[in-house]
N, C-alpha and C. Protein backbone atom coordinates (compact mmCIF):
# COMPACT_ATOMS: atom_id res chain seq x y z
N MET A 1 12.45 -20.16 23.02
CA MET A 1 11.74 -19.97 21.77
C MET A 1 11.97 -18.57 21.20
N PHE A 2 11.87 -17.55 22.06
CA PHE A 2 11.99 -16.17 21.57
C PHE A 2 13.41 -15.86 21.12
N ASN A 3 14.41 -16.54 21.70
CA ASN A 3 15.78 -16.34 21.23
C ASN A 3 15.94 -16.79 19.79
N LYS A 4 15.17 -17.78 19.39
CA LYS A 4 15.25 -18.27 18.01
C LYS A 4 14.76 -17.22 17.02
N LEU A 5 13.85 -16.35 17.46
CA LEU A 5 13.34 -15.29 16.58
C LEU A 5 14.43 -14.28 16.23
N SER A 6 15.43 -14.13 17.08
CA SER A 6 16.49 -13.15 16.79
C SER A 6 17.23 -13.48 15.51
N ALA A 7 17.20 -14.73 15.09
CA ALA A 7 17.83 -15.10 13.82
C ALA A 7 17.12 -14.43 12.63
N TYR A 8 15.88 -14.05 12.83
CA TYR A 8 15.09 -13.43 11.77
C TYR A 8 14.99 -11.92 11.90
N GLN A 9 15.79 -11.34 12.76
CA GLN A 9 15.73 -9.90 13.02
C GLN A 9 15.87 -9.06 11.75
N PRO A 10 16.84 -9.35 10.87
CA PRO A 10 16.95 -8.52 9.66
C PRO A 10 15.70 -8.58 8.78
N GLN A 11 15.15 -9.78 8.61
CA GLN A 11 13.97 -9.93 7.77
C GLN A 11 12.75 -9.26 8.42
N LEU A 12 12.63 -9.37 9.75
CA LEU A 12 11.51 -8.74 10.44
C LEU A 12 11.62 -7.23 10.41
N LEU A 13 12.83 -6.70 10.33
CA LEU A 13 13.01 -5.26 10.13
C LEU A 13 12.37 -4.84 8.81
N SER A 14 12.62 -5.63 7.78
CA SER A 14 12.01 -5.35 6.48
C SER A 14 10.50 -5.50 6.53
N VAL A 15 10.00 -6.52 7.22
CA VAL A 15 8.55 -6.73 7.32
C VAL A 15 7.89 -5.54 8.02
N LEU A 16 8.50 -5.07 9.10
CA LEU A 16 7.95 -3.91 9.81
C LEU A 16 7.94 -2.68 8.92
N ARG A 17 9.03 -2.45 8.17
CA ARG A 17 9.10 -1.30 7.27
C ARG A 17 8.01 -1.38 6.21
N ILE A 18 7.84 -2.54 5.62
CA ILE A 18 6.84 -2.71 4.56
C ILE A 18 5.42 -2.52 5.11
N ALA A 19 5.13 -3.14 6.26
CA ALA A 19 3.78 -3.03 6.84
C ALA A 19 3.48 -1.59 7.24
N ALA A 20 4.41 -0.94 7.93
CA ALA A 20 4.20 0.45 8.34
C ALA A 20 4.13 1.37 7.12
N GLY A 21 4.96 1.10 6.13
CA GLY A 21 4.93 1.90 4.91
C GLY A 21 3.61 1.78 4.17
N LEU A 22 3.06 0.57 4.12
CA LEU A 22 1.75 0.39 3.45
C LEU A 22 0.65 1.14 4.19
N MET A 23 0.69 1.10 5.51
CA MET A 23 -0.33 1.83 6.28
C MET A 23 -0.18 3.34 6.09
N PHE A 24 1.06 3.82 6.06
CA PHE A 24 1.32 5.25 5.84
C PHE A 24 0.88 5.64 4.43
N LEU A 25 1.16 4.78 3.46
CA LEU A 25 0.76 5.00 2.07
C LEU A 25 -0.76 5.12 1.96
N CYS A 26 -1.49 4.35 2.73
CA CYS A 26 -2.96 4.42 2.70
C CYS A 26 -3.47 5.79 3.10
N HIS A 27 -2.78 6.46 4.02
CA HIS A 27 -3.17 7.83 4.38
C HIS A 27 -3.04 8.73 3.15
N GLY A 28 -1.96 8.55 2.40
CA GLY A 28 -1.75 9.35 1.20
C GLY A 28 -2.73 9.03 0.09
N THR A 29 -3.01 7.75 -0.14
CA THR A 29 -3.97 7.42 -1.21
C THR A 29 -5.36 7.91 -0.86
N ALA A 30 -5.73 7.87 0.42
CA ALA A 30 -7.05 8.36 0.82
C ALA A 30 -7.18 9.85 0.56
N LYS A 31 -6.11 10.60 0.82
CA LYS A 31 -6.17 12.05 0.66
C LYS A 31 -5.99 12.50 -0.79
N VAL A 32 -5.14 11.82 -1.53
CA VAL A 32 -4.83 12.25 -2.90
C VAL A 32 -5.73 11.58 -3.93
N LEU A 33 -5.95 10.28 -3.77
CA LEU A 33 -6.70 9.52 -4.77
C LEU A 33 -8.13 9.23 -4.36
N GLY A 34 -8.49 9.54 -3.12
CA GLY A 34 -9.84 9.27 -2.65
C GLY A 34 -10.11 7.80 -2.40
N PHE A 35 -9.04 7.01 -2.29
CA PHE A 35 -9.19 5.58 -2.04
C PHE A 35 -8.25 5.14 -0.95
N PRO A 36 -8.73 4.48 0.06
CA PRO A 36 -10.14 4.23 0.33
C PRO A 36 -10.84 5.51 0.75
N ALA A 37 -12.13 5.55 0.52
CA ALA A 37 -12.91 6.74 0.86
C ALA A 37 -13.01 6.87 2.37
N VAL A 38 -12.50 7.99 2.89
CA VAL A 38 -12.51 8.26 4.32
C VAL A 38 -13.22 9.59 4.52
N PRO A 39 -14.21 9.65 5.41
CA PRO A 39 -14.91 10.92 5.62
C PRO A 39 -13.99 11.98 6.24
N ASP A 40 -14.22 13.23 5.87
CA ASP A 40 -13.52 14.38 6.44
C ASP A 40 -12.01 14.38 6.18
N VAL A 41 -11.57 13.81 5.08
CA VAL A 41 -10.16 13.83 4.71
C VAL A 41 -9.90 15.12 3.95
N PRO A 42 -8.85 15.87 4.34
CA PRO A 42 -8.56 17.12 3.64
C PRO A 42 -8.12 16.86 2.20
N ALA A 43 -8.55 17.73 1.31
CA ALA A 43 -8.16 17.63 -0.10
C ALA A 43 -6.74 18.17 -0.27
N PRO A 44 -5.99 17.66 -1.25
CA PRO A 44 -4.66 18.20 -1.50
C PRO A 44 -4.72 19.69 -1.80
N GLY A 45 -3.75 20.43 -1.32
CA GLY A 45 -3.71 21.87 -1.55
C GLY A 45 -2.55 22.50 -0.81
N LEU A 46 -2.50 23.81 -0.83
CA LEU A 46 -1.40 24.53 -0.22
C LEU A 46 -1.69 24.88 1.24
N SER A 47 -1.83 23.86 2.04
CA SER A 47 -1.99 24.01 3.48
C SER A 47 -1.29 22.82 4.11
N LEU A 48 -1.10 22.84 5.41
CA LEU A 48 -0.46 21.70 6.07
C LEU A 48 -1.25 20.43 5.83
N ALA A 49 -2.56 20.51 6.00
CA ALA A 49 -3.40 19.33 5.76
C ALA A 49 -3.36 18.93 4.29
N GLY A 50 -3.34 19.90 3.41
CA GLY A 50 -3.32 19.62 1.97
C GLY A 50 -2.00 19.04 1.50
N LEU A 51 -0.91 19.42 2.14
CA LEU A 51 0.40 18.89 1.77
C LEU A 51 0.65 17.51 2.36
N SER A 52 -0.10 17.17 3.41
CA SER A 52 0.15 15.90 4.07
C SER A 52 -0.13 14.71 3.14
N GLY A 53 -1.17 14.77 2.35
CA GLY A 53 -1.50 13.65 1.46
C GLY A 53 -0.42 13.32 0.46
N PRO A 54 0.03 14.29 -0.34
CA PRO A 54 1.11 13.99 -1.29
C PRO A 54 2.40 13.51 -0.60
N LEU A 55 2.72 14.08 0.55
CA LEU A 55 3.93 13.64 1.26
C LEU A 55 3.76 12.21 1.76
N GLU A 56 2.61 11.88 2.31
CA GLU A 56 2.36 10.51 2.78
C GLU A 56 2.39 9.53 1.61
N LEU A 57 1.88 9.95 0.48
CA LEU A 57 1.88 9.10 -0.71
C LEU A 57 3.30 8.80 -1.17
N VAL A 58 4.11 9.84 -1.32
CA VAL A 58 5.49 9.66 -1.80
C VAL A 58 6.35 8.96 -0.75
N PHE A 59 6.32 9.45 0.49
CA PHE A 59 7.11 8.83 1.54
C PHE A 59 6.70 7.37 1.74
N GLY A 60 5.39 7.11 1.76
CA GLY A 60 4.91 5.75 1.95
C GLY A 60 5.39 4.81 0.86
N ALA A 61 5.30 5.24 -0.39
CA ALA A 61 5.75 4.40 -1.51
C ALA A 61 7.24 4.11 -1.42
N LEU A 62 8.04 5.14 -1.13
CA LEU A 62 9.49 4.94 -1.02
C LEU A 62 9.84 4.03 0.16
N LEU A 63 9.13 4.17 1.26
CA LEU A 63 9.40 3.32 2.42
C LEU A 63 8.98 1.88 2.17
N VAL A 64 7.88 1.65 1.48
CA VAL A 64 7.48 0.28 1.14
C VAL A 64 8.56 -0.37 0.29
N LEU A 65 9.07 0.37 -0.67
CA LEU A 65 10.12 -0.17 -1.54
C LEU A 65 11.47 -0.28 -0.84
N GLY A 66 11.66 0.50 0.20
CA GLY A 66 12.96 0.54 0.85
C GLY A 66 13.96 1.29 0.00
N LEU A 67 13.52 2.37 -0.60
CA LEU A 67 14.37 3.18 -1.48
C LEU A 67 14.67 4.51 -0.79
N PHE A 68 15.95 4.82 -0.62
CA PHE A 68 16.39 6.03 0.11
C PHE A 68 15.79 6.04 1.51
N THR A 69 15.77 4.88 2.14
CA THR A 69 15.04 4.69 3.39
C THR A 69 15.48 5.64 4.49
N ARG A 70 16.77 5.76 4.74
CA ARG A 70 17.22 6.57 5.87
C ARG A 70 16.81 8.04 5.73
N PRO A 71 17.11 8.71 4.61
CA PRO A 71 16.69 10.11 4.51
C PRO A 71 15.17 10.28 4.44
N VAL A 72 14.48 9.39 3.75
CA VAL A 72 13.02 9.48 3.66
C VAL A 72 12.39 9.26 5.03
N ALA A 73 12.88 8.27 5.77
CA ALA A 73 12.35 8.01 7.11
C ALA A 73 12.61 9.19 8.04
N PHE A 74 13.77 9.81 7.91
CA PHE A 74 14.08 10.99 8.73
C PHE A 74 13.11 12.13 8.42
N LEU A 75 12.87 12.38 7.13
CA LEU A 75 11.93 13.43 6.73
C LEU A 75 10.50 13.09 7.18
N ALA A 76 10.11 11.82 7.02
CA ALA A 76 8.77 11.40 7.43
C ALA A 76 8.60 11.53 8.95
N SER A 77 9.65 11.22 9.69
CA SER A 77 9.59 11.37 11.14
C SER A 77 9.38 12.83 11.53
N GLY A 78 10.14 13.72 10.90
CA GLY A 78 9.97 15.15 11.17
C GLY A 78 8.60 15.65 10.76
N PHE A 79 8.12 15.19 9.61
CA PHE A 79 6.79 15.55 9.14
C PHE A 79 5.73 15.14 10.16
N CYS A 80 5.86 13.93 10.71
CA CYS A 80 4.90 13.45 11.71
C CYS A 80 5.01 14.24 13.01
N ALA A 81 6.22 14.59 13.41
CA ALA A 81 6.40 15.39 14.63
C ALA A 81 5.72 16.74 14.48
N VAL A 82 5.95 17.40 13.35
CA VAL A 82 5.32 18.70 13.10
C VAL A 82 3.80 18.55 13.08
N GLY A 83 3.31 17.53 12.39
CA GLY A 83 1.87 17.29 12.34
C GLY A 83 1.28 17.06 13.71
N TYR A 84 2.00 16.30 14.54
CA TYR A 84 1.49 16.05 15.89
C TYR A 84 1.38 17.36 16.67
N TRP A 85 2.45 18.15 16.67
CA TRP A 85 2.46 19.36 17.50
C TRP A 85 1.53 20.44 16.97
N LEU A 86 1.38 20.53 15.65
CA LEU A 86 0.52 21.58 15.09
C LEU A 86 -0.97 21.21 15.10
N VAL A 87 -1.26 19.92 14.99
CA VAL A 87 -2.66 19.50 14.87
C VAL A 87 -3.19 18.89 16.17
N HIS A 88 -2.47 17.97 16.73
CA HIS A 88 -3.01 17.19 17.85
C HIS A 88 -2.71 17.77 19.23
N ALA A 89 -1.50 18.23 19.45
CA ALA A 89 -1.08 18.64 20.79
C ALA A 89 -1.90 19.79 21.35
N LYS A 90 -2.41 20.64 20.47
CA LYS A 90 -3.20 21.77 20.98
C LYS A 90 -4.55 21.32 21.55
N SER A 91 -4.91 20.04 21.33
CA SER A 91 -6.15 19.50 21.91
C SER A 91 -5.90 18.77 23.22
N GLY A 92 -4.67 18.82 23.71
CA GLY A 92 -4.36 18.17 24.98
C GLY A 92 -3.00 17.51 24.93
N ALA A 93 -2.48 17.19 26.10
CA ALA A 93 -1.12 16.68 26.21
C ALA A 93 -0.98 15.19 25.90
N PHE A 94 -2.05 14.44 26.04
CA PHE A 94 -1.94 12.99 25.92
C PHE A 94 -2.45 12.52 24.55
N PRO A 95 -1.60 11.77 23.82
CA PRO A 95 -2.02 11.30 22.49
C PRO A 95 -3.32 10.50 22.49
N ILE A 96 -3.57 9.75 23.53
CA ILE A 96 -4.81 8.96 23.58
C ILE A 96 -6.05 9.86 23.66
N LEU A 97 -5.87 11.08 24.19
CA LEU A 97 -6.98 12.01 24.32
C LEU A 97 -7.09 12.98 23.13
N ASN A 98 -5.97 13.27 22.46
CA ASN A 98 -6.00 14.27 21.40
C ASN A 98 -6.04 13.67 20.00
N GLY A 99 -6.17 12.35 19.90
CA GLY A 99 -6.27 11.70 18.59
C GLY A 99 -4.94 11.58 17.87
N GLY A 100 -3.84 11.76 18.58
CA GLY A 100 -2.54 11.76 17.93
C GLY A 100 -1.71 10.50 18.11
N GLU A 101 -2.33 9.42 18.57
CA GLU A 101 -1.57 8.18 18.78
C GLU A 101 -0.90 7.69 17.51
N THR A 102 -1.62 7.65 16.43
CA THR A 102 -1.08 7.10 15.19
C THR A 102 0.09 7.93 14.68
N ILE A 103 -0.06 9.23 14.61
CA ILE A 103 1.00 10.07 14.06
C ILE A 103 2.22 10.09 14.99
N ALA A 104 2.00 10.02 16.31
CA ALA A 104 3.12 9.96 17.25
C ALA A 104 3.88 8.64 17.08
N LEU A 105 3.17 7.56 16.93
CA LEU A 105 3.82 6.27 16.72
C LEU A 105 4.60 6.27 15.41
N TYR A 106 3.99 6.77 14.32
CA TYR A 106 4.70 6.87 13.05
C TYR A 106 5.98 7.68 13.21
N CYS A 107 5.93 8.76 13.95
CA CYS A 107 7.10 9.61 14.16
C CYS A 107 8.27 8.78 14.68
N PHE A 108 8.03 7.96 15.68
CA PHE A 108 9.12 7.19 16.27
C PHE A 108 9.49 5.96 15.45
N VAL A 109 8.54 5.38 14.75
CA VAL A 109 8.85 4.26 13.86
C VAL A 109 9.77 4.74 12.74
N TRP A 110 9.45 5.89 12.15
CA TRP A 110 10.29 6.41 11.06
C TRP A 110 11.65 6.86 11.58
N LEU A 111 11.69 7.40 12.78
CA LEU A 111 12.98 7.76 13.38
C LEU A 111 13.84 6.52 13.56
N PHE A 112 13.23 5.42 13.98
CA PHE A 112 13.94 4.14 14.11
C PHE A 112 14.53 3.72 12.77
N PHE A 113 13.74 3.79 11.69
CA PHE A 113 14.23 3.38 10.38
C PHE A 113 15.30 4.33 9.84
N ALA A 114 15.25 5.59 10.23
CA ALA A 114 16.32 6.52 9.85
C ALA A 114 17.65 6.05 10.44
N ALA A 115 17.61 5.46 11.62
CA ALA A 115 18.82 4.96 12.26
C ALA A 115 19.17 3.54 11.83
N ALA A 116 18.16 2.67 11.70
CA ALA A 116 18.40 1.24 11.46
C ALA A 116 18.57 0.88 9.99
N GLY A 117 18.01 1.68 9.09
CA GLY A 117 18.03 1.32 7.68
C GLY A 117 16.83 0.46 7.31
N ALA A 118 16.82 0.01 6.06
CA ALA A 118 15.65 -0.64 5.49
C ALA A 118 15.55 -2.13 5.75
N GLY A 119 16.64 -2.78 6.05
CA GLY A 119 16.64 -4.24 6.16
C GLY A 119 17.00 -4.87 4.82
N PRO A 120 17.11 -6.20 4.82
CA PRO A 120 17.61 -6.88 3.62
C PRO A 120 16.65 -6.93 2.44
N TRP A 121 15.36 -6.85 2.70
CA TRP A 121 14.38 -6.90 1.62
C TRP A 121 14.02 -5.49 1.21
N SER A 122 14.91 -4.85 0.47
CA SER A 122 14.72 -3.45 0.09
C SER A 122 15.53 -3.14 -1.15
N VAL A 123 15.13 -2.09 -1.82
CA VAL A 123 15.91 -1.60 -2.96
C VAL A 123 17.27 -1.10 -2.48
N ASP A 124 17.30 -0.47 -1.31
CA ASP A 124 18.57 0.00 -0.75
C ASP A 124 19.57 -1.14 -0.62
N ALA A 125 19.13 -2.29 -0.06
CA ALA A 125 20.01 -3.43 0.12
C ALA A 125 20.45 -4.00 -1.23
N ALA A 126 19.54 -4.04 -2.19
CA ALA A 126 19.88 -4.54 -3.52
C ALA A 126 20.90 -3.65 -4.19
N MET A 127 20.75 -2.33 -4.05
CA MET A 127 21.71 -1.40 -4.65
C MET A 127 23.08 -1.50 -3.96
N GLN A 128 23.08 -1.73 -2.67
CA GLN A 128 24.32 -1.86 -1.94
C GLN A 128 25.06 -3.12 -2.36
N LYS A 129 24.33 -4.23 -2.56
CA LYS A 129 24.96 -5.48 -3.03
C LYS A 129 25.55 -5.29 -4.42
N LYS A 130 24.78 -4.62 -5.28
CA LYS A 130 25.22 -4.43 -6.66
C LYS A 130 26.46 -3.52 -6.74
N GLY A 131 26.47 -2.52 -5.85
CA GLY A 131 27.58 -1.56 -5.86
C GLY A 131 28.83 -2.08 -5.18
N GLY A 132 28.68 -3.16 -4.40
CA GLY A 132 29.85 -3.76 -3.75
C GLY A 132 29.89 -3.33 -2.35
């Protein structure tokens, strides 16, 4: 049964990118637009926490669309790595204890997409088909 799922690998790559991108986008909308309302969310501004919202908003939107996926995913992965080490790691070595599970997982998911690309359901794939 599970071997039959491999036929859908390209489409599931796109589904994972879209789902992860939407969740990442929600971090940005919460910080920049106040929606959904999340307590203790840093306001946009000239600090690491303040810059995280606009970056999550832009990176998340581009990743959902699958536009410039490889470079955006690479930048998002680095952004998450820096965020993990500057914010979470100083509270302990283990992500489950320092509250860094989500950002650490995003770091590796985006690194995967930097290598794998967006999948067939993306603006990148549409532009590649159009360009030949």
